[in-house]
Amino acid sequence: MTAFNQIDHAINENPLEYYLTLQYPITLYPDVEGGYVAEIKDLPGCLTQGENLEETINNINEAKELWLETAYECGDKIPLPNF
């Protein structure tokens, strides 16, 4: 790991596992063509879709995990959930 990455990780004061356990509000929308779209507004660009609610929830949980892992590894500031 380079010194640059070590400095970047200092932006997020907690370990990745902390952020992965946070409960972010999920917004669900019915899709006009069928299925659902899900979005986590606190994590810009974190959205997905599914054919039914179960698939959509599974997909948004996976998208959240990938979003957080990527942001953490890149040293981006991770926002806390807004309720």
Protein backbone atom coordinates (compact mmCIF):
# COMPACT_ATOMS: atom_id res chain seq x y z
CA MET A 1 0.00 0.00 0.00
CA THR A 2 1.36 3.41 -0.89
CA ALA A 3 1.52 6.37 1.45
CA PHE A 4 -1.14 8.04 -0.70
CA ASN A 5 -3.65 5.26 -0.02
CA GLN A 6 -2.82 5.27 3.69
CA ILE A 7 -3.66 8.97 3.84
CA ASP A 8 -6.87 8.42 1.87
CA HIS A 9 -8.13 5.76 4.30
CA ALA A 10 -7.74 8.28 7.12
CA ILE A 11 -10.78 10.11 5.67
CA ASN A 12 -12.97 7.25 6.94
CA GLU A 13 -12.29 6.97 10.64
CA ASN A 14 -13.95 3.57 11.01
CA PRO A 15 -13.08 0.17 9.52
CA LEU A 16 -14.98 -0.99 6.43
CA GLU A 17 -16.98 -3.47 8.54
CA TYR A 18 -18.51 -0.53 10.47
CA TYR A 19 -19.92 1.01 7.28
CA LEU A 20 -21.17 -2.35 6.00
CA THR A 21 -23.34 -2.77 9.11
CA LEU A 22 -25.01 0.65 8.85
CA GLN A 23 -28.68 0.59 7.89
CA TYR A 24 -29.24 3.03 5.02
CA PRO A 25 -32.83 3.92 4.06
CA ILE A 26 -33.89 2.26 0.80
CA THR A 27 -36.41 3.86 -1.55
CA LEU A 28 -38.42 1.48 -3.75
CA TYR A 29 -40.24 2.49 -6.92
CA PRO A 30 -42.50 0.31 -9.07
CA ASP A 31 -41.16 0.15 -12.64
CA VAL A 32 -43.72 0.96 -15.34
CA GLU A 33 -42.47 -2.06 -17.33
CA GLY A 34 -42.78 -4.37 -14.30
CA GLY A 35 -40.59 -5.10 -11.32
CA TYR A 36 -39.05 -2.51 -9.04
CA VAL A 37 -36.22 -0.01 -8.83
CA ALA A 38 -34.38 0.53 -5.53
CA GLU A 39 -32.15 3.44 -4.54
CA ILE A 40 -30.08 4.41 -1.51
CA LYS A 41 -30.16 8.20 -1.75
CA ASP A 42 -27.38 8.63 0.82
CA LEU A 43 -24.97 6.77 -1.50
CA PRO A 44 -24.95 8.65 -4.83
CA GLY A 45 -25.44 6.33 -7.78
CA CYS A 46 -26.36 3.34 -5.62
CA LEU A 47 -29.41 1.94 -7.37
CA THR A 48 -30.60 -1.27 -8.94
CA GLN A 49 -33.70 -3.08 -10.16
CA GLY A 50 -35.35 -6.45 -9.86
CA GLU A 51 -38.29 -8.45 -11.17
CA ASN A 52 -39.90 -8.72 -7.71
CA LEU A 53 -39.41 -7.22 -4.23
CA GLU A 54 -37.20 -10.05 -2.96
CA GLU A 55 -34.84 -9.81 -5.93
CA THR A 56 -34.79 -6.01 -5.72
CA ILE A 57 -33.91 -6.03 -2.01
CA ASN A 58 -31.16 -8.61 -2.58
CA ASN A 59 -29.79 -6.53 -5.46
CA ILE A 60 -29.77 -3.25 -3.51
CA ASN A 61 -28.00 -4.90 -0.58
CA GLU A 62 -25.32 -6.18 -2.95
CA ALA A 63 -25.08 -2.76 -4.63
CA LYS A 64 -24.68 -1.10 -1.20
CA GLU A 65 -21.87 -3.49 -0.25
CA LEU A 66 -20.04 -2.89 -3.54
CA TRP A 67 -20.54 0.89 -3.29
CA LEU A 68 -19.13 0.99 0.24
CA GLU A 69 -16.18 -1.31 -0.54
CA THR A 70 -15.24 0.76 -3.59
CA ALA A 71 -15.56 4.10 -1.80
CA TYR A 72 -13.52 2.81 1.13
CA GLU A 73 -10.75 1.39 -1.05
CA CYS A 74 -10.57 4.62 -3.07
CA GLY A 75 -10.42 6.72 0.09
CA ASP A 76 -13.70 8.52 -0.67
CA LYS A 77 -15.64 9.92 2.26
CA ILE A 78 -18.53 7.60 3.12
CA PRO A 79 -21.70 9.44 4.18
CA LEU A 80 -23.62 8.24 7.21
CA PRO A 81 -27.31 7.35 6.82
CA ASN A 82 -29.88 10.14 7.03
CA PHE A 83 -33.18 9.22 8.61
